[in-house]
N, C-alpha and C. Protein backbone atom coordinates (compact mmCIF):
# COMPACT_ATOMS: atom_id res chain seq x y z
N UNK A 1 20.90 -13.26 -12.71
CA UNK A 1 21.46 -12.81 -10.99
C UNK A 1 23.06 -12.89 -10.94
N UNK A 2 24.09 -13.63 -11.86
CA UNK A 2 25.08 -13.48 -12.15
C UNK A 2 26.16 -14.96 -10.90
N UNK A 3 26.80 -15.66 -12.05
CA UNK A 3 27.76 -16.86 -11.57
C UNK A 3 28.86 -16.21 -10.78
N UNK A 4 29.58 -16.65 -9.67
CA UNK A 4 30.93 -16.15 -9.77
C UNK A 4 31.10 -15.30 -9.18
N UNK A 5 29.47 -14.65 -7.95
CA UNK A 5 29.83 -13.61 -6.95
C UNK A 5 29.59 -14.49 -5.86
N UNK A 6 29.92 -14.78 -5.13
CA UNK A 6 29.70 -14.75 -3.59
C UNK A 6 28.65 -13.92 -2.87
N UNK A 7 29.24 -12.59 -3.38
CA UNK A 7 27.82 -11.69 -2.40
C UNK A 7 26.61 -11.36 -3.33
N UNK A 8 26.69 -11.57 -4.31
CA UNK A 8 25.27 -11.82 -4.82
C UNK A 8 24.39 -13.30 -5.23
N UNK A 9 24.99 -14.02 -4.94
CA UNK A 9 24.12 -15.73 -4.80
C UNK A 9 24.10 -16.03 -3.94
N UNK A 10 24.50 -15.14 -2.86
CA UNK A 10 24.11 -15.51 -0.84
C UNK A 10 22.82 -14.45 -1.24
N UNK A 11 22.81 -13.58 -1.96
CA UNK A 11 21.79 -12.37 -1.61
C UNK A 11 20.27 -13.61 -1.78
N UNK A 12 20.76 -13.72 -3.02
CA UNK A 12 19.62 -14.70 -3.92
C UNK A 12 19.27 -15.87 -3.62
N UNK A 13 20.13 -16.03 -2.91
CA UNK A 13 19.72 -17.16 -2.30
C UNK A 13 18.79 -17.82 -1.07
N UNK A 14 18.21 -16.39 -0.78
CA UNK A 14 16.47 -16.24 0.30
C UNK A 14 16.08 -14.77 -0.50
N UNK A 15 15.80 -14.67 -1.71
CA UNK A 15 15.20 -13.59 -2.48
C UNK A 15 13.52 -14.19 -1.78
N UNK A 16 13.45 -15.83 -2.41
CA UNK A 16 11.68 -16.23 -2.13
C UNK A 16 11.46 -15.98 -0.99
N UNK A 17 12.19 -16.61 -0.03
CA UNK A 17 11.60 -16.19 1.72
C UNK A 17 11.23 -15.43 1.68
N UNK A 18 12.07 -13.60 1.78
CA UNK A 18 12.17 -12.91 2.13
C UNK A 18 11.35 -11.89 1.31
N UNK A 19 10.67 -12.55 0.33
CA UNK A 19 9.91 -11.71 -0.54
C UNK A 19 8.17 -12.05 0.04
N UNK A 20 8.71 -13.61 0.49
CA UNK A 20 6.80 -14.40 0.88
C UNK A 20 7.16 -13.49 2.46
N UNK A 21 7.96 -13.57 3.53
CA UNK A 21 7.68 -12.38 4.63
C UNK A 21 7.02 -11.28 4.41
N UNK A 22 8.58 -10.85 3.76
CA UNK A 22 7.13 -8.54 3.02
C UNK A 22 6.15 -9.53 2.45
N UNK A 23 5.05 -10.03 1.88
CA UNK A 23 4.22 -10.16 1.93
C UNK A 23 3.36 -10.56 2.44
N UNK A 24 4.67 -11.84 3.33
CA UNK A 24 2.84 -11.60 4.82
C UNK A 24 3.29 -10.78 5.59
N UNK A 25 3.60 -9.40 5.44
CA UNK A 25 3.58 -8.80 6.35
C UNK A 25 2.60 -7.04 5.19
N UNK A 26 2.08 -7.38 3.88
CA UNK A 26 1.57 -6.68 3.08
C UNK A 26 2.50 -5.66 2.41
N UNK A 27 3.99 -6.18 2.76
CA UNK A 27 4.63 -5.00 1.94
C UNK A 27 4.89 -5.63 0.61
N UNK A 28 4.51 -5.34 -1.33
CA UNK A 28 4.21 -6.00 -2.18
C UNK A 28 5.43 -6.17 -2.90
N UNK A 29 5.60 -7.10 -3.44
CA UNK A 29 7.19 -7.35 -3.82
C UNK A 29 6.59 -7.49 -5.11
N UNK A 30 7.45 -6.80 -5.73
CA UNK A 30 7.28 -7.57 -7.65
C UNK A 30 8.97 -8.80 -7.92
N UNK A 31 7.59 -9.88 -7.90
CA UNK A 31 8.71 -11.18 -8.70
C UNK A 31 8.49 -10.50 -10.04
N UNK A 32 9.69 -11.15 -10.09
CA UNK A 32 9.66 -10.91 -12.00
C UNK A 32 9.31 -9.58 -12.46
N UNK A 33 10.12 -8.65 -11.56
CA UNK A 33 9.13 -7.11 -11.86
C UNK A 33 8.61 -6.82 -12.74
N UNK A 34 7.06 -7.32 -11.72
CA UNK A 34 6.11 -6.98 -12.66
C UNK A 34 5.38 -6.61 -11.73
N UNK A 35 4.74 -5.16 -12.34
CA UNK A 35 4.66 -3.52 -11.36
C UNK A 35 3.28 -4.29 -11.12
N UNK A 36 1.88 -4.29 -12.26
CA UNK A 36 0.77 -4.55 -12.35
C UNK A 36 0.54 -5.24 -10.96
N UNK A 37 0.98 -6.94 -11.17
CA UNK A 37 0.59 -7.65 -9.86
C UNK A 37 0.77 -7.16 -8.89
N UNK A 38 2.08 -6.78 -8.04
CA UNK A 38 2.34 -5.49 -7.26
C UNK A 38 0.63 -4.40 -6.76
N UNK A 39 0.49 -4.11 -8.03
CA UNK A 39 -0.72 -3.28 -8.06
C UNK A 39 -2.40 -4.38 -6.97
N UNK A 40 -2.06 -5.36 -7.54
CA UNK A 40 -3.37 -6.13 -7.40
C UNK A 40 -2.21 -6.66 -6.06
N UNK A 41 -1.30 -7.21 -5.12
CA UNK A 41 -1.30 -7.54 -4.05
C UNK A 41 -1.12 -6.33 -3.21
N UNK A 42 -0.84 -5.34 -3.28
CA UNK A 42 -1.88 -4.40 -2.94
C UNK A 42 -3.61 -4.29 -2.69
N UNK A 43 -3.98 -4.57 -3.67
CA UNK A 43 -5.33 -4.51 -3.48
C UNK A 43 -5.76 -5.46 -2.74
N UNK A 44 -5.84 -6.23 -2.77
CA UNK A 44 -5.72 -7.76 -2.41
C UNK A 44 -5.71 -8.27 -0.87
N UNK A 45 -4.18 -7.19 -0.54
CA UNK A 45 -4.18 -6.84 0.91
C UNK A 45 -5.10 -5.97 1.58
N UNK A 46 -5.49 -4.95 1.08
CA UNK A 46 -5.96 -4.07 0.94
C UNK A 46 -7.45 -4.35 1.50
N UNK A 47 -8.10 -5.43 1.14
CA UNK A 47 -9.55 -6.04 1.17
C UNK A 47 -9.35 -7.40 2.18
N UNK A 48 -7.93 -7.63 3.39
CA UNK A 48 -7.16 -8.42 3.92
C UNK A 48 -7.80 -9.93 3.06
N UNK A 49 -7.29 -10.13 2.21
CA UNK A 49 -7.61 -11.69 1.81
C UNK A 49 -6.05 -12.42 0.87
N UNK A 50 -5.21 -11.57 1.39
CA UNK A 50 -3.70 -12.06 0.94
C UNK A 50 -3.22 -11.51 -0.37
N UNK A 51 -2.56 -12.37 -1.21
CA UNK A 51 -2.39 -11.91 -2.52
C UNK A 51 -0.94 -12.80 -2.83
N UNK A 52 -1.04 -14.33 -2.96
CA UNK A 52 0.43 -14.85 -3.53
C UNK A 52 0.21 -14.66 -4.80
N UNK A 53 1.35 -14.47 -4.97
CA UNK A 53 1.77 -14.71 -6.29
C UNK A 53 1.87 -15.99 -7.23
N UNK A 54 1.23 -16.06 -7.99
CA UNK A 54 0.15 -17.62 -9.26
C UNK A 54 0.71 -17.18 -10.69
N UNK A 55 0.49 -18.56 -11.27
CA UNK A 55 0.23 -18.97 -12.50
C UNK A 55 0.10 -20.40 -12.59
N UNK A 56 -1.26 -20.37 -13.63
CA UNK A 56 -1.42 -21.24 -13.76
C UNK A 56 0.12 -21.95 -14.88
N UNK A 57 -0.28 -23.84 -14.14
CA UNK A 57 1.43 -24.60 -15.29
C UNK A 57 0.56 -26.24 -15.46
N UNK A 58 -0.54 -25.48 -15.37
CA UNK A 58 -1.02 -27.03 -15.59
C UNK A 58 -2.79 -27.33 -15.52
N UNK A 59 -3.29 -28.04 -16.44
CA UNK A 59 -4.62 -28.28 -16.03
C UNK A 59 -5.26 -29.52 -16.24
N UNK A 60 -5.47 -30.79 -15.02
CA UNK A 60 -6.68 -31.74 -15.05
C UNK A 60 -7.98 -31.82 -15.05
N UNK A 61 -8.52 -32.02 -16.47
CA UNK A 61 -9.43 -32.51 -17.58
C UNK A 61 -10.36 -33.14 -16.56
N UNK A 62 -9.57 -34.08 -15.54
CA UNK A 62 -10.23 -35.72 -15.17
C UNK A 62 -10.68 -34.80 -14.40
N UNK A 63 -10.25 -34.22 -13.83
CA UNK A 63 -11.31 -33.40 -11.46
C UNK A 63 -11.94 -32.04 -12.88
N UNK A 64 -11.62 -31.46 -13.84
CA UNK A 64 -12.07 -29.76 -14.14
C UNK A 64 -11.33 -29.22 -13.31
N UNK A 65 -9.81 -28.99 -13.27
CA UNK A 65 -9.36 -28.35 -12.17
C UNK A 65 -7.96 -27.54 -13.21
N UNK A 66 -7.66 -26.38 -12.31
CA UNK A 66 -6.25 -26.12 -12.80
C UNK A 66 -5.82 -26.08 -11.69
N UNK A 67 -4.69 -25.82 -12.15
CA UNK A 67 -3.27 -25.90 -11.27
C UNK A 67 -2.60 -24.74 -10.90
N UNK A 68 -1.94 -23.82 -10.38
CA UNK A 68 -1.78 -22.55 -10.42
C UNK A 68 -1.18 -23.00 -9.40
N UNK A 69 0.10 -21.96 -9.51
CA UNK A 69 1.52 -21.99 -8.74
C UNK A 69 2.42 -21.28 -9.03
N UNK A 70 3.76 -20.71 -7.89
CA UNK A 70 4.80 -20.16 -8.60
C UNK A 70 5.55 -20.69 -7.50
N UNK A 71 6.99 -20.20 -7.83
CA UNK A 71 8.41 -19.87 -6.81
C UNK A 71 8.27 -18.52 -5.83
N UNK A 72 6.97 -18.01 -5.70
CA UNK A 72 7.25 -17.18 -5.20
C UNK A 72 6.67 -15.03 -5.67
N UNK A 73 6.00 -14.95 -4.48
CA UNK A 73 6.45 -14.93 -2.77
C UNK A 73 4.99 -15.45 -3.43
N UNK A 74 4.59 -16.19 -2.20
CA UNK A 74 3.99 -16.90 -1.20
C UNK A 74 3.14 -16.09 -0.64
N UNK A 75 1.85 -16.40 0.02
CA UNK A 75 1.94 -15.40 0.75
C UNK A 75 1.12 -16.92 2.11
N UNK A 76 2.30 -16.51 3.25
CA UNK A 76 2.11 -17.57 4.00
C UNK A 76 1.31 -16.95 5.09
N UNK A 77 0.34 -15.83 5.39
CA UNK A 77 -1.04 -16.05 5.48
C UNK A 77 -2.42 -16.74 5.17
N UNK A 78 -1.98 -17.61 4.21
CA UNK A 78 -3.55 -17.83 3.40
C UNK A 78 -2.98 -19.58 3.02
N UNK A 79 -1.91 -20.09 3.96
CA UNK A 79 -1.72 -21.33 3.46
C UNK A 79 -2.73 -22.39 4.09
N UNK A 80 -2.47 -23.23 3.30
CA UNK A 80 -3.17 -24.95 3.58
C UNK A 80 -2.85 -25.28 4.61
N UNK A 81 -2.72 -25.65 5.95
CA UNK A 81 -1.51 -26.55 6.65
C UNK A 81 0.18 -25.81 6.73
N UNK A 82 0.36 -26.85 6.96
CA UNK A 82 2.41 -26.13 7.48
C UNK A 82 2.76 -25.58 6.15
N UNK A 83 3.93 -24.43 5.62
CA UNK A 83 4.82 -23.96 5.18
C UNK A 83 5.59 -24.37 5.77
N UNK A 84 5.98 -25.32 4.05
CA UNK A 84 7.89 -25.17 4.08
C UNK A 84 8.65 -24.87 3.23
N UNK A 85 10.25 -24.80 4.83
CA UNK A 85 10.89 -23.88 3.65
C UNK A 85 11.65 -24.75 2.78
N UNK A 86 11.69 -25.59 1.44
CA UNK A 86 12.72 -26.18 1.05
C UNK A 86 14.62 -26.04 0.49
N UNK A 87 15.33 -26.30 0.58
CA UNK A 87 16.41 -25.51 0.30
C UNK A 87 16.86 -26.33 -1.24
N UNK A 88 16.91 -25.81 -2.20
CA UNK A 88 17.12 -26.14 -3.73
C UNK A 88 18.55 -25.48 -3.58
N UNK A 89 19.48 -27.00 -4.82
CA UNK A 89 20.51 -27.08 -5.11
C UNK A 89 20.46 -25.94 -6.59
N UNK A 90 19.68 -26.42 -7.28
CA UNK A 90 19.12 -25.35 -8.35
C UNK A 90 17.91 -24.28 -8.59
N UNK A 91 17.41 -23.00 -9.00
CA UNK A 91 16.33 -22.81 -8.44
C UNK A 91 15.78 -23.17 -9.95
N UNK A 92 14.34 -23.38 -10.07
CA UNK A 92 13.61 -23.54 -11.08
C UNK A 92 14.05 -22.81 -12.65
N UNK A 93 14.69 -23.82 -13.02
CA UNK A 93 14.95 -23.04 -14.49
C UNK A 93 15.88 -21.69 -14.39
N UNK A 94 16.55 -21.82 -13.55
CA UNK A 94 17.09 -20.09 -13.01
C UNK A 94 18.54 -20.34 -12.84
N UNK A 95 19.61 -19.41 -12.61
CA UNK A 95 20.69 -19.21 -11.80
C UNK A 95 20.76 -19.18 -9.95
N UNK A 96 21.56 -20.89 -10.32
CA UNK A 96 21.16 -19.71 -7.83
C UNK A 96 20.62 -21.35 -7.48
N UNK A 97 21.60 -21.10 -6.90
CA UNK A 97 20.73 -22.37 -5.81
C UNK A 97 20.25 -21.76 -3.94
N UNK A 98 19.39 -21.75 -3.40
CA UNK A 98 18.89 -21.32 -2.22
C UNK A 98 17.49 -21.75 -1.65
N UNK A 99 17.14 -20.62 -0.84
CA UNK A 99 15.24 -21.49 0.42
C UNK A 99 14.31 -20.99 -0.54
N UNK A 100 13.45 -22.13 -1.17
CA UNK A 100 12.18 -21.96 -1.49
C UNK A 100 10.80 -22.15 -0.54
N UNK A 101 10.26 -21.29 -0.59
CA UNK A 101 8.65 -21.76 0.04
C UNK A 101 7.85 -22.50 -0.66
N UNK A 102 7.48 -23.19 -0.19
CA UNK A 102 6.59 -24.55 -0.01
C UNK A 102 5.14 -24.69 0.52
N UNK A 103 3.84 -24.22 -0.16
CA UNK A 103 2.66 -24.44 1.26
C UNK A 103 1.37 -24.35 -0.58
N UNK A 104 0.91 -25.03 0.15
CA UNK A 104 -0.65 -24.87 -0.85
C UNK A 104 -2.18 -23.13 0.37
N UNK A 105 -2.68 -23.46 -0.96
CA UNK A 105 -3.71 -22.16 -0.62
C UNK A 105 -4.45 -23.16 0.07
N UNK A 106 -5.57 -22.24 1.23
CA UNK A 106 -5.97 -22.52 2.41
C UNK A 106 -7.10 -23.24 1.56
N UNK A 107 -7.71 -24.62 2.08
CA UNK A 107 -8.91 -24.80 0.78
C UNK A 107 -10.12 -24.13 1.18
N UNK A 108 -10.78 -23.64 -0.29
CA UNK A 108 -12.04 -22.95 -0.11
C UNK A 108 -12.26 -21.82 -0.69
N UNK A 109 -12.75 -21.17 -0.83
CA UNK A 109 -13.49 -19.67 -1.88
C UNK A 109 -11.64 -18.81 -1.85
N UNK A 110 -11.75 -19.10 -3.17
CA UNK A 110 -10.39 -18.48 -3.79
C UNK A 110 -11.05 -16.76 -4.52
N UNK A 111 -10.33 -15.48 -4.39
CA UNK A 111 -10.63 -14.62 -5.59
C UNK A 111 -8.92 -14.54 -6.15
N UNK A 112 -9.08 -14.14 -8.12
CA UNK A 112 -8.07 -14.18 -8.43
C UNK A 112 -7.88 -13.09 -9.59
N UNK A 113 -7.12 -12.14 -8.76
CA UNK A 113 -6.79 -10.90 -9.43
C UNK A 113 -6.10 -10.39 -10.44
N UNK A 114 -5.83 -9.78 -11.16
CA UNK A 114 -5.21 -9.04 -12.77
C UNK A 114 -5.38 -7.69 -13.00
N UNK A 115 -3.97 -6.82 -12.43
CA UNK A 115 -4.63 -5.80 -13.22
C UNK A 115 -4.06 -5.58 -14.68
N UNK A 116 -4.79 -5.39 -15.67
CA UNK A 116 -4.66 -5.79 -17.34
C UNK A 116 -4.26 -4.16 -18.27
N UNK A 117 -3.54 -4.11 -18.85
CA UNK A 117 -4.09 -2.89 -19.50
C UNK A 117 -4.33 -2.84 -20.90
N UNK A 118 -5.34 -1.99 -21.05
CA UNK A 118 -6.60 -2.30 -21.92
C UNK A 118 -5.75 -2.37 -23.61
N UNK A 119 -6.08 -2.23 -24.58
CA UNK A 119 -5.65 -1.98 -26.39
C UNK A 119 -5.05 -0.22 -26.39
N UNK A 120 -6.70 0.07 -25.64
CA UNK A 120 -5.89 1.98 -25.49
C UNK A 120 -5.15 2.35 -24.26
N UNK A 121 -4.47 2.06 -24.03
CA UNK A 121 -3.41 1.57 -22.87
C UNK A 121 -4.08 1.91 -21.55
N UNK A 122 -5.60 1.83 -20.71
CA UNK A 122 -6.66 1.58 -19.83
C UNK A 122 -6.42 0.84 -19.01
N UNK A 123 -6.04 0.61 -17.72
CA UNK A 123 -6.71 -0.27 -17.01
C UNK A 123 -7.66 -1.03 -16.26
N UNK A 124 -7.32 -2.12 -16.28
CA UNK A 124 -9.20 -3.27 -16.25
C UNK A 124 -8.31 -3.87 -14.99
N UNK A 125 -9.35 -3.92 -14.10
CA UNK A 125 -9.28 -5.13 -13.33
C UNK A 125 -9.75 -6.45 -14.33
N UNK A 126 -9.17 -7.40 -13.48
CA UNK A 126 -9.40 -9.13 -13.95
C UNK A 126 -9.76 -9.95 -12.73
N UNK A 127 -11.13 -10.09 -12.07
CA UNK A 127 -11.62 -10.45 -11.21
C UNK A 127 -11.60 -12.27 -11.29
N UNK A 128 -11.29 -12.99 -10.98
CA UNK A 128 -13.09 -14.50 -11.05
C UNK A 128 -12.32 -15.51 -9.52
N UNK A 129 -13.62 -15.92 -9.57
CA UNK A 129 -14.01 -16.63 -8.12
C UNK A 129 -13.52 -18.33 -8.14
N UNK A 130 -12.75 -18.82 -8.24
CA UNK A 130 -13.28 -20.23 -7.53
C UNK A 130 -13.19 -20.96 -6.13
N UNK A 131 -12.87 -21.54 -6.21
CA UNK A 131 -12.19 -22.86 -4.44
C UNK A 131 -10.99 -23.36 -4.57
N UNK A 132 -10.57 -23.52 -4.42
CA UNK A 132 -9.00 -24.59 -4.08
C UNK A 132 -9.37 -25.68 -3.37
N UNK A 133 -8.95 -26.71 -4.06
CA UNK A 133 -9.27 -28.27 -3.49
C UNK A 133 -9.08 -28.88 -3.54
N UNK A 134 -9.11 -29.63 -2.75
CA UNK A 134 -7.51 -30.85 -2.45
C UNK A 134 -7.06 -31.67 -3.67
N UNK A 135 -6.44 -32.28 -3.63
CA UNK A 135 -5.85 -33.50 -4.57
C UNK A 135 -4.64 -32.93 -4.64
N UNK A 136 -3.50 -34.23 -5.56
CA UNK A 136 -2.50 -34.01 -5.36
C UNK A 136 -1.69 -33.14 -5.74
N UNK A 137 -0.79 -32.49 -5.56
CA UNK A 137 -0.25 -30.93 -6.63
C UNK A 137 1.94 -31.69 -6.71
N UNK A 138 2.80 -30.88 -7.27
CA UNK A 138 4.02 -31.42 -7.00
C UNK A 138 4.47 -30.49 -6.07
N UNK A 139 5.38 -31.32 -5.38
CA UNK A 139 5.80 -30.34 -4.22
C UNK A 139 7.71 -30.50 -4.75
N UNK A 140 7.68 -29.57 -4.87
CA UNK A 140 8.95 -29.24 -5.60
C UNK A 140 9.68 -27.15 -5.32
N UNK A 141 8.90 -26.86 -3.96
CA UNK A 141 9.24 -26.18 -3.16
C UNK A 141 9.08 -24.60 -4.03
N UNK A 142 7.21 -24.72 -4.18
CA UNK A 142 6.53 -24.49 -4.78
C UNK A 142 5.59 -23.88 -4.04
N UNK A 143 4.69 -22.59 -4.55
CA UNK A 143 3.58 -22.45 -4.13
C UNK A 143 2.66 -22.95 -4.59
N UNK A 144 2.09 -24.50 -4.55
CA UNK A 144 0.83 -25.18 -5.49
C UNK A 144 -0.02 -25.33 -5.15
N UNK A 145 -1.25 -25.23 -6.11
CA UNK A 145 -3.04 -25.28 -5.42
C UNK A 145 -3.82 -26.15 -6.65
N UNK A 146 -4.84 -26.12 -6.54
CA UNK A 146 -5.57 -26.68 -7.66
C UNK A 146 -6.81 -25.68 -7.34
N UNK A 147 -7.34 -25.54 -8.16
CA UNK A 147 -8.72 -24.60 -8.09
C UNK A 147 -9.44 -24.78 -9.14
N UNK A 148 -11.01 -24.97 -8.58
CA UNK A 148 -11.65 -25.66 -9.19
C UNK A 148 -12.89 -24.12 -9.83
N UNK A 149 -12.97 -23.48 -10.87
CA UNK A 149 -13.85 -22.22 -11.52
C UNK A 149 -15.47 -22.98 -11.95
N UNK A 150 -16.65 -22.21 -11.39
CA UNK A 150 -17.49 -22.51 -11.53
C UNK A 150 -18.06 -22.47 -13.02
N UNK A 151 -17.56 -21.76 -13.96
CA UNK A 151 -17.34 -22.74 -15.22
C UNK A 151 -16.57 -23.47 -16.36
N UNK A 152 -15.73 -24.29 -14.97
CA UNK A 152 -14.52 -25.05 -15.82
C UNK A 152 -13.65 -24.64 -16.31
N UNK A 153 -12.49 -25.31 -15.77
CA UNK A 153 -11.11 -25.67 -15.90
C UNK A 153 -10.85 -24.65 -17.35
N UNK A 154 -11.25 -25.66 -18.43
CA UNK A 154 -10.99 -24.97 -19.97
C UNK A 154 -11.17 -23.10 -20.31
N UNK A 155 -12.81 -22.71 -20.01
CA UNK A 155 -13.71 -22.21 -20.08
C UNK A 155 -12.31 -20.65 -18.63
N UNK A 156 -12.66 -21.44 -18.21
CA UNK A 156 -11.71 -20.37 -17.18
C UNK A 156 -10.49 -19.68 -17.75
N UNK A 157 -9.46 -20.71 -18.55
CA UNK A 157 -8.05 -20.18 -19.02
C UNK A 157 -8.36 -19.90 -19.78
N UNK A 158 -9.15 -20.57 -20.95
CA UNK A 158 -9.64 -19.29 -21.97
C UNK A 158 -10.20 -18.48 -22.36
N UNK A 159 -10.96 -17.84 -20.63
CA UNK A 159 -12.26 -16.70 -20.48
C UNK A 159 -10.94 -15.61 -19.83
N UNK A 160 -9.83 -16.04 -19.30
CA UNK A 160 -8.96 -15.12 -18.81
C UNK A 160 -8.05 -14.36 -19.49
N UNK A 161 -7.80 -15.56 -20.51
CA UNK A 161 -6.87 -14.71 -20.94
C UNK A 161 -7.30 -13.86 -22.62
N UNK A 162 -8.16 -14.28 -22.58
CA UNK A 162 -8.49 -14.04 -23.62
C UNK A 162 -8.61 -11.80 -22.80
N UNK A 163 -8.73 -11.48 -22.49
CA UNK A 163 -8.37 -10.64 -21.89
C UNK A 163 -7.01 -9.54 -21.58
N UNK A 164 -6.16 -9.93 -22.15
CA UNK A 164 -4.22 -10.48 -22.43
C UNK A 164 -3.88 -10.23 -21.37
N UNK A 165 -4.35 -11.11 -20.10
CA UNK A 165 -3.35 -10.45 -18.56
C UNK A 165 -1.90 -11.29 -18.98
N UNK A 166 -1.26 -10.65 -17.98
CA UNK A 166 -0.16 -10.87 -17.59
C UNK A 166 0.24 -12.37 -17.37
N UNK A 167 1.32 -12.80 -17.78
CA UNK A 167 1.36 -14.36 -16.79
C UNK A 167 1.13 -14.83 -15.13
N UNK A 168 0.96 -13.88 -14.77
CA UNK A 168 1.37 -13.86 -13.45
C UNK A 168 0.21 -13.18 -13.01
N UNK A 169 -0.55 -13.42 -11.40
CA UNK A 169 -1.87 -12.79 -11.03
C UNK A 169 -1.60 -13.34 -9.30
N UNK A 170 -2.28 -12.56 -8.76
CA UNK A 170 -2.44 -11.95 -7.31
C UNK A 170 -3.53 -13.82 -7.06
N UNK A 171 -3.71 -14.51 -6.14
CA UNK A 171 -4.53 -15.47 -5.14
C UNK A 171 -4.88 -14.89 -3.93
N UNK A 172 -5.60 -14.56 -3.71
CA UNK A 172 -6.50 -14.56 -2.05
C UNK A 172 -7.67 -15.10 -2.18
N UNK A 173 -7.59 -15.69 -0.67
CA UNK A 173 -8.97 -16.15 -0.26
C UNK A 173 -9.60 -15.34 0.73
N UNK A 174 -11.11 -15.00 0.97
CA UNK A 174 -12.05 -15.57 0.90
C UNK A 174 -11.98 -14.97 -0.95
N UNK A 175 -13.33 -14.85 -1.03
CA UNK A 175 -14.17 -14.61 -2.15
C UNK A 175 -14.09 -12.24 -2.41
N UNK A 176 -14.18 -11.78 -3.09
CA UNK A 176 -14.47 -10.56 -2.98
C UNK A 176 -14.78 -10.14 -3.76
N UNK A 177 -15.22 -10.38 -4.72
CA UNK A 177 -15.69 -9.43 -5.84
C UNK A 177 -16.21 -8.61 -6.05
N UNK A 178 -17.64 -9.23 -5.37
CA UNK A 178 -18.72 -7.66 -4.55
C UNK A 178 -17.72 -6.55 -3.90
N UNK A 179 -16.64 -6.09 -3.04
CA UNK A 179 -15.78 -5.53 -2.82
C UNK A 179 -15.39 -4.15 -3.73
C-alpha cells in the first residue's frame, strides 16, 4: 500500500467502504485478491442472498458458536440493524489509515459458500448452512457475527477445513443450499 505516498494512502483510506458499496450493488470485489471468493460472491448474488466476505476468527465453546467476520467487503444489504462507518487510525495489521465498515449479519438462517480447488485441479462448491445468532461480538470496525451450525462449532470448523478451502468465504442469507 505504500507509506509516504499521499495519493496511494488517500485511495486506500476508503477502499473498504468502496468495496462494501460495490458489493451491495452486486459487483464482485476481490478482497485480498481472492478470485475464487469473488466467484462465490457472484453465485450468492445471483441467488439474491448477498455475500459478505468472511472468515472465522474465534470459537465460543460455551455457546457453541463460530465467530466470523472480516474487514471488508461486507454486504450492507444483509446487515442486522445499522451499519456503521468507523474511522481507523491504523487498519488491522496493515499500513495506512481510513474508514472501515462495522456491521453484523441479520439474525436468522445463513449460507456459507466457498469455491474450492480439489487436489486434481477441479473446482467444487463447499456449502454450509447455519444461523446468525445474537450475542457479544468485537466492535473493531469489521463485519462480525456469531454463527451456530447444526453440527456444532467444533465439527463445523473441522469438516469445513477438511476440504481445503481458502481462508475466506462468502456468507449470505437465508439458506440457499437446495438452489
